[in-house]
Amino acid sequence: MDIKVLGALTAEINGKNIVPTAGKPRQILALLALRPGQVVPVPTLMEEIWDTDLPHSSLTTLQTYILQLRRMLTHALPTTHGNSPHDGDTRDNSHSTGHDDGDGDGSSGDDGAGTGG
């Protein structure tokens, strides 16, 4: 997976664009990409999307956005890796890309493994 957040957000798996067209899922992907290998708590994601003006259904809506991102990632991955939509980490009511390449430039590098690890 290759994600770049400097300039326009770009994200590809094996050359396939995985950047959501909708704004809020795009924001979530960018926030997760800025924190590779880190667990991002749900309240942090909610604040990024809605600031302090949370809609009544914010948790359900956030879960839907995460599900949409997982499905996009899953469809872009080669089927030979056996990845599932649940490869992203969701422990303790938080989310993570599960990837940390340690280069610190805001891009995820290309490990071919998708979101899990």
N, C-alpha and C. Protein backbone atom coordinates (compact mmCIF):
# COMPACT_ATOMS: atom_id res chain seq x y z
N MET A 1 0.85 -1.17 0.00
CA MET A 1 0.00 0.00 0.00
C MET A 1 0.89 1.23 0.00
N ASP A 2 0.51 2.21 -0.80
CA ASP A 2 1.25 3.45 -0.89
C ASP A 2 0.29 4.61 -0.66
N ILE A 3 0.52 5.35 0.43
CA ILE A 3 -0.33 6.49 0.76
C ILE A 3 0.56 7.72 0.88
N LYS A 4 0.14 8.79 0.23
CA LYS A 4 0.86 10.06 0.31
C LYS A 4 -0.13 11.13 0.74
N VAL A 5 0.26 11.90 1.77
CA VAL A 5 -0.62 12.93 2.29
C VAL A 5 -0.08 14.34 2.07
N LEU A 6 1.13 14.45 1.55
CA LEU A 6 1.67 15.76 1.23
C LEU A 6 1.16 16.15 -0.15
N GLY A 7 0.52 17.31 -0.24
CA GLY A 7 -0.17 17.68 -1.48
C GLY A 7 -1.53 17.00 -1.48
N ALA A 8 -1.97 16.59 -2.65
CA ALA A 8 -3.25 15.89 -2.75
C ALA A 8 -3.12 14.49 -2.15
N LEU A 9 -4.15 14.04 -1.44
CA LEU A 9 -4.15 12.69 -0.87
C LEU A 9 -4.19 11.66 -1.99
N THR A 10 -3.22 10.76 -1.98
CA THR A 10 -3.21 9.65 -2.92
C THR A 10 -3.00 8.37 -2.13
N ALA A 11 -3.68 7.33 -2.54
CA ALA A 11 -3.52 6.02 -1.90
C ALA A 11 -3.77 4.96 -2.96
N GLU A 12 -2.83 4.02 -3.04
CA GLU A 12 -2.92 2.97 -4.05
C GLU A 12 -2.50 1.63 -3.45
N ILE A 13 -3.14 0.60 -3.94
CA ILE A 13 -2.71 -0.77 -3.67
C ILE A 13 -2.52 -1.43 -5.03
N ASN A 14 -1.31 -1.87 -5.30
CA ASN A 14 -0.98 -2.48 -6.59
C ASN A 14 -1.45 -1.62 -7.76
N GLY A 15 -1.25 -0.31 -7.66
CA GLY A 15 -1.61 0.61 -8.72
C GLY A 15 -3.07 0.99 -8.78
N LYS A 16 -3.90 0.43 -7.90
CA LYS A 16 -5.34 0.74 -7.89
C LYS A 16 -5.62 1.83 -6.87
N ASN A 17 -6.25 2.91 -7.32
CA ASN A 17 -6.59 4.04 -6.46
C ASN A 17 -7.62 3.59 -5.41
N ILE A 18 -7.33 3.89 -4.14
CA ILE A 18 -8.26 3.53 -3.07
C ILE A 18 -8.72 4.75 -2.28
N VAL A 19 -8.52 5.94 -2.81
CA VAL A 19 -8.96 7.16 -2.12
C VAL A 19 -10.47 7.28 -2.29
N PRO A 20 -11.20 7.35 -1.17
CA PRO A 20 -12.65 7.52 -1.27
C PRO A 20 -13.00 8.85 -1.92
N THR A 21 -14.11 8.89 -2.65
CA THR A 21 -14.55 10.13 -3.25
C THR A 21 -15.30 11.00 -2.23
N ALA A 22 -15.94 10.38 -1.26
CA ALA A 22 -16.67 11.12 -0.23
C ALA A 22 -15.69 11.76 0.75
N GLY A 23 -16.00 12.95 1.19
CA GLY A 23 -15.09 13.73 2.02
C GLY A 23 -14.75 13.13 3.37
N LYS A 24 -15.73 12.66 4.12
CA LYS A 24 -15.46 12.19 5.47
C LYS A 24 -14.65 10.89 5.49
N PRO A 25 -14.97 9.88 4.67
CA PRO A 25 -14.08 8.72 4.61
C PRO A 25 -12.66 9.09 4.15
N ARG A 26 -12.56 10.07 3.28
CA ARG A 26 -11.24 10.55 2.84
C ARG A 26 -10.48 11.15 4.03
N GLN A 27 -11.18 11.91 4.88
CA GLN A 27 -10.56 12.48 6.08
C GLN A 27 -10.06 11.38 7.01
N ILE A 28 -10.85 10.34 7.17
CA ILE A 28 -10.47 9.23 8.05
C ILE A 28 -9.22 8.55 7.51
N LEU A 29 -9.20 8.26 6.22
CA LEU A 29 -8.03 7.63 5.61
C LEU A 29 -6.79 8.49 5.80
N ALA A 30 -6.92 9.79 5.60
CA ALA A 30 -5.78 10.69 5.77
C ALA A 30 -5.29 10.70 7.21
N LEU A 31 -6.21 10.75 8.17
CA LEU A 31 -5.82 10.75 9.58
C LEU A 31 -5.11 9.46 9.95
N LEU A 32 -5.64 8.32 9.51
CA LEU A 32 -4.98 7.04 9.79
C LEU A 32 -3.61 6.97 9.12
N ALA A 33 -3.49 7.52 7.92
CA ALA A 33 -2.21 7.50 7.22
C ALA A 33 -1.17 8.36 7.93
N LEU A 34 -1.61 9.42 8.58
CA LEU A 34 -0.69 10.29 9.31
C LEU A 34 -0.18 9.65 10.60
N ARG A 35 -0.83 8.57 11.01
CA ARG A 35 -0.45 7.89 12.24
C ARG A 35 -0.19 6.41 11.98
N PRO A 36 0.76 6.10 11.12
CA PRO A 36 0.99 4.69 10.75
C PRO A 36 1.38 3.85 11.96
N GLY A 37 0.74 2.70 12.07
CA GLY A 37 1.05 1.77 13.14
C GLY A 37 0.51 2.17 14.49
N GLN A 38 -0.19 3.30 14.57
CA GLN A 38 -0.74 3.78 15.83
C GLN A 38 -2.23 3.49 15.90
N VAL A 39 -2.70 3.26 17.09
CA VAL A 39 -4.13 3.11 17.32
C VAL A 39 -4.72 4.51 17.44
N VAL A 40 -5.76 4.78 16.67
CA VAL A 40 -6.42 6.09 16.70
C VAL A 40 -7.76 5.91 17.41
N PRO A 41 -7.93 6.51 18.58
CA PRO A 41 -9.18 6.35 19.34
C PRO A 41 -10.38 6.93 18.58
N VAL A 42 -11.52 6.32 18.80
CA VAL A 42 -12.75 6.77 18.18
C VAL A 42 -13.02 8.25 18.44
N PRO A 43 -12.86 8.74 19.67
CA PRO A 43 -13.11 10.18 19.89
C PRO A 43 -12.22 11.08 19.02
N THR A 44 -11.00 10.66 18.74
CA THR A 44 -10.12 11.43 17.86
C THR A 44 -10.66 11.46 16.44
N LEU A 45 -11.14 10.31 15.97
CA LEU A 45 -11.72 10.25 14.63
C LEU A 45 -12.97 11.13 14.55
N MET A 46 -13.80 11.06 15.58
CA MET A 46 -15.03 11.87 15.59
C MET A 46 -14.71 13.36 15.59
N GLU A 47 -13.72 13.75 16.36
CA GLU A 47 -13.34 15.16 16.41
C GLU A 47 -12.80 15.62 15.05
N GLU A 48 -12.05 14.76 14.38
CA GLU A 48 -11.53 15.10 13.06
C GLU A 48 -12.67 15.32 12.06
N ILE A 49 -13.68 14.49 12.13
CA ILE A 49 -14.77 14.55 11.15
C ILE A 49 -15.78 15.65 11.46
N TRP A 50 -16.19 15.75 12.73
CA TRP A 50 -17.29 16.65 13.08
C TRP A 50 -16.89 17.78 14.02
N ASP A 51 -15.64 17.85 14.42
CA ASP A 51 -15.20 18.83 15.41
C ASP A 51 -16.02 18.59 16.69
N THR A 52 -16.65 19.60 17.23
CA THR A 52 -17.43 19.40 18.46
C THR A 52 -18.92 19.30 18.18
N ASP A 53 -19.32 19.40 16.93
CA ASP A 53 -20.73 19.37 16.55
C ASP A 53 -21.12 17.95 16.12
N LEU A 54 -21.10 17.00 17.06
CA LEU A 54 -21.38 15.59 16.75
C LEU A 54 -22.86 15.37 16.48
N PRO A 55 -23.18 14.73 15.36
CA PRO A 55 -24.57 14.36 15.13
C PRO A 55 -24.99 13.24 16.08
N HIS A 56 -26.27 13.07 16.26
CA HIS A 56 -26.78 12.04 17.17
C HIS A 56 -26.28 10.64 16.78
N SER A 57 -26.16 10.39 15.49
CA SER A 57 -25.76 9.07 15.00
C SER A 57 -24.27 8.98 14.69
N SER A 58 -23.45 9.79 15.34
CA SER A 58 -22.03 9.88 14.96
C SER A 58 -21.29 8.54 15.07
N LEU A 59 -21.52 7.77 16.12
CA LEU A 59 -20.80 6.50 16.27
C LEU A 59 -21.18 5.53 15.15
N THR A 60 -22.47 5.42 14.87
CA THR A 60 -22.93 4.52 13.80
C THR A 60 -22.39 4.98 12.45
N THR A 61 -22.42 6.28 12.23
CA THR A 61 -21.92 6.82 10.97
C THR A 61 -20.42 6.57 10.82
N LEU A 62 -19.67 6.78 11.89
CA LEU A 62 -18.22 6.51 11.86
C LEU A 62 -17.96 5.04 11.55
N GLN A 63 -18.70 4.15 12.18
CA GLN A 63 -18.53 2.72 11.92
C GLN A 63 -18.82 2.40 10.45
N THR A 64 -19.80 3.07 9.87
CA THR A 64 -20.12 2.87 8.46
C THR A 64 -18.96 3.34 7.57
N TYR A 65 -18.38 4.50 7.90
CA TYR A 65 -17.24 4.99 7.14
C TYR A 65 -16.06 4.02 7.21
N ILE A 66 -15.79 3.50 8.39
CA ILE A 66 -14.69 2.53 8.56
C ILE A 66 -14.96 1.27 7.74
N LEU A 67 -16.19 0.79 7.77
CA LEU A 67 -16.56 -0.38 6.99
C LEU A 67 -16.36 -0.12 5.50
N GLN A 68 -16.75 1.06 5.03
CA GLN A 68 -16.56 1.41 3.62
C GLN A 68 -15.07 1.41 3.25
N LEU A 69 -14.24 1.97 4.13
CA LEU A 69 -12.80 1.97 3.87
C LEU A 69 -12.24 0.55 3.82
N ARG A 70 -12.65 -0.27 4.76
CA ARG A 70 -12.18 -1.67 4.77
C ARG A 70 -12.57 -2.39 3.50
N ARG A 71 -13.79 -2.18 3.05
CA ARG A 71 -14.24 -2.83 1.82
C ARG A 71 -13.43 -2.36 0.62
N MET A 72 -13.15 -1.06 0.55
CA MET A 72 -12.33 -0.55 -0.56
C MET A 72 -10.95 -1.20 -0.54
N LEU A 73 -10.36 -1.29 0.65
CA LEU A 73 -9.03 -1.89 0.78
C LEU A 73 -9.08 -3.37 0.40
N THR A 74 -10.08 -4.06 0.87
CA THR A 74 -10.21 -5.49 0.60
C THR A 74 -10.35 -5.76 -0.89
N HIS A 75 -11.18 -4.96 -1.57
CA HIS A 75 -11.38 -5.15 -3.00
C HIS A 75 -10.13 -4.84 -3.81
N ALA A 76 -9.27 -4.00 -3.29
CA ALA A 76 -8.05 -3.64 -4.01
C ALA A 76 -6.92 -4.65 -3.79
N LEU A 77 -7.03 -5.44 -2.73
CA LEU A 77 -5.97 -6.41 -2.41
C LEU A 77 -6.07 -7.64 -3.29
N PRO A 78 -4.93 -8.22 -3.63
CA PRO A 78 -4.95 -9.49 -4.37
C PRO A 78 -5.58 -10.57 -3.49
N THR A 79 -6.38 -11.43 -4.07
CA THR A 79 -7.06 -12.46 -3.29
C THR A 79 -6.12 -13.53 -2.77
N THR A 80 -4.92 -13.63 -3.31
CA THR A 80 -3.98 -14.66 -2.87
C THR A 80 -3.44 -14.44 -1.47
N HIS A 81 -3.54 -13.19 -0.94
CA HIS A 81 -3.03 -12.92 0.39
C HIS A 81 -3.97 -13.36 1.49
N GLY A 82 -5.22 -13.69 1.15
CA GLY A 82 -6.16 -14.15 2.16
C GLY A 82 -6.59 -13.05 3.12
N ASN A 83 -6.52 -11.79 2.70
CA ASN A 83 -6.91 -10.69 3.57
C ASN A 83 -8.43 -10.61 3.66
N SER A 84 -8.90 -10.11 4.79
CA SER A 84 -10.33 -9.95 4.99
C SER A 84 -10.61 -8.51 5.37
N PRO A 85 -11.89 -8.09 5.35
CA PRO A 85 -12.22 -6.72 5.72
C PRO A 85 -11.92 -6.43 7.17
N HIS A 86 -11.60 -7.44 7.94
CA HIS A 86 -11.34 -7.24 9.37
C HIS A 86 -9.86 -7.19 9.69
N ASP A 87 -9.00 -7.03 8.67
CA ASP A 87 -7.56 -6.99 8.91
C ASP A 87 -7.12 -5.72 9.63
N GLY A 88 -7.85 -4.63 9.49
CA GLY A 88 -7.53 -3.41 10.23
C GLY A 88 -7.83 -3.64 11.70
N ASP A 89 -7.05 -3.07 12.56
CA ASP A 89 -7.17 -3.27 14.00
C ASP A 89 -8.27 -2.39 14.56
N THR A 90 -9.20 -2.98 15.32
CA THR A 90 -10.26 -2.20 15.96
C THR A 90 -10.34 -2.51 17.44
N ARG A 91 -9.24 -2.82 18.06
CA ARG A 91 -9.27 -3.15 19.48
C ARG A 91 -9.61 -1.92 20.31
N ASP A 92 -10.27 -2.15 21.41
CA ASP A 92 -10.55 -1.11 22.39
C ASP A 92 -11.20 0.15 21.80
N ASN A 93 -12.17 -0.05 20.91
CA ASN A 93 -12.94 1.08 20.38
C ASN A 93 -12.06 2.12 19.70
N SER A 94 -11.13 1.65 18.89
CA SER A 94 -10.22 2.53 18.16
C SER A 94 -9.89 1.88 16.83
N HIS A 95 -9.17 2.60 15.98
CA HIS A 95 -8.84 2.08 14.65
C HIS A 95 -7.38 2.34 14.33
N SER A 96 -6.82 1.48 13.48
CA SER A 96 -5.42 1.60 13.10
C SER A 96 -5.23 0.98 11.73
N THR A 97 -4.28 1.51 10.97
CA THR A 97 -3.94 0.88 9.70
C THR A 97 -3.09 -0.35 9.92
N GLY A 98 -2.48 -0.46 11.10
CA GLY A 98 -1.64 -1.60 11.40
C GLY A 98 -0.31 -1.57 10.67
N HIS A 99 0.06 -0.44 10.11
CA HIS A 99 1.28 -0.37 9.31
C HIS A 99 2.17 0.75 9.81
N ASP A 100 3.44 0.49 9.96
CA ASP A 100 4.39 1.53 10.35
C ASP A 100 5.69 1.25 9.64
N ASP A 101 6.00 2.09 8.64
CA ASP A 101 7.26 1.88 7.92
C ASP A 101 8.40 2.69 8.50
N GLY A 102 8.07 3.61 9.45
CA GLY A 102 9.10 4.33 10.17
C GLY A 102 9.83 5.39 9.39
N ASP A 103 9.36 5.75 8.17
CA ASP A 103 10.11 6.75 7.43
C ASP A 103 9.71 8.18 7.77
N GLY A 104 8.57 8.36 8.46
CA GLY A 104 8.19 9.65 8.98
C GLY A 104 7.80 10.70 7.95
N ASP A 105 7.57 10.33 6.68
CA ASP A 105 7.24 11.35 5.69
C ASP A 105 5.75 11.43 5.41
N GLY A 106 4.94 10.69 6.17
CA GLY A 106 3.51 10.73 5.95
C GLY A 106 3.03 9.80 4.87
N SER A 107 3.92 8.98 4.32
CA SER A 107 3.47 7.96 3.37
C SER A 107 3.71 6.60 3.98
N SER A 108 2.91 5.64 3.54
CA SER A 108 2.97 4.35 4.19
C SER A 108 3.98 3.39 3.58
N GLY A 109 4.54 3.71 2.44
CA GLY A 109 5.44 2.77 1.79
C GLY A 109 4.65 1.70 1.07
N ASP A 110 5.30 0.68 0.58
CA ASP A 110 4.61 -0.38 -0.16
C ASP A 110 5.04 -1.72 0.44
N ASP A 111 4.17 -2.25 1.31
CA ASP A 111 4.51 -3.54 1.90
C ASP A 111 3.69 -4.68 1.30
N GLY A 112 2.71 -4.33 0.44
CA GLY A 112 1.92 -5.35 -0.22
C GLY A 112 0.98 -6.08 0.71
N ALA A 113 0.94 -5.73 1.98
CA ALA A 113 0.13 -6.46 2.94
C ALA A 113 -1.21 -5.82 3.23
N GLY A 114 -1.49 -4.67 2.70
CA GLY A 114 -2.78 -4.04 2.95
C GLY A 114 -2.84 -3.37 4.28
N THR A 115 -3.91 -3.61 5.04
CA THR A 115 -4.14 -2.87 6.28
C THR A 115 -3.80 -3.65 7.52
N GLY A 116 -3.55 -4.92 7.42
CA GLY A 116 -3.35 -5.72 8.63
C GLY A 116 -1.91 -6.05 8.86
N GLY A 117 -1.70 -6.61 10.04
CA GLY A 117 -0.32 -7.02 10.20
C GLY A 117 -0.02 -7.54 11.52
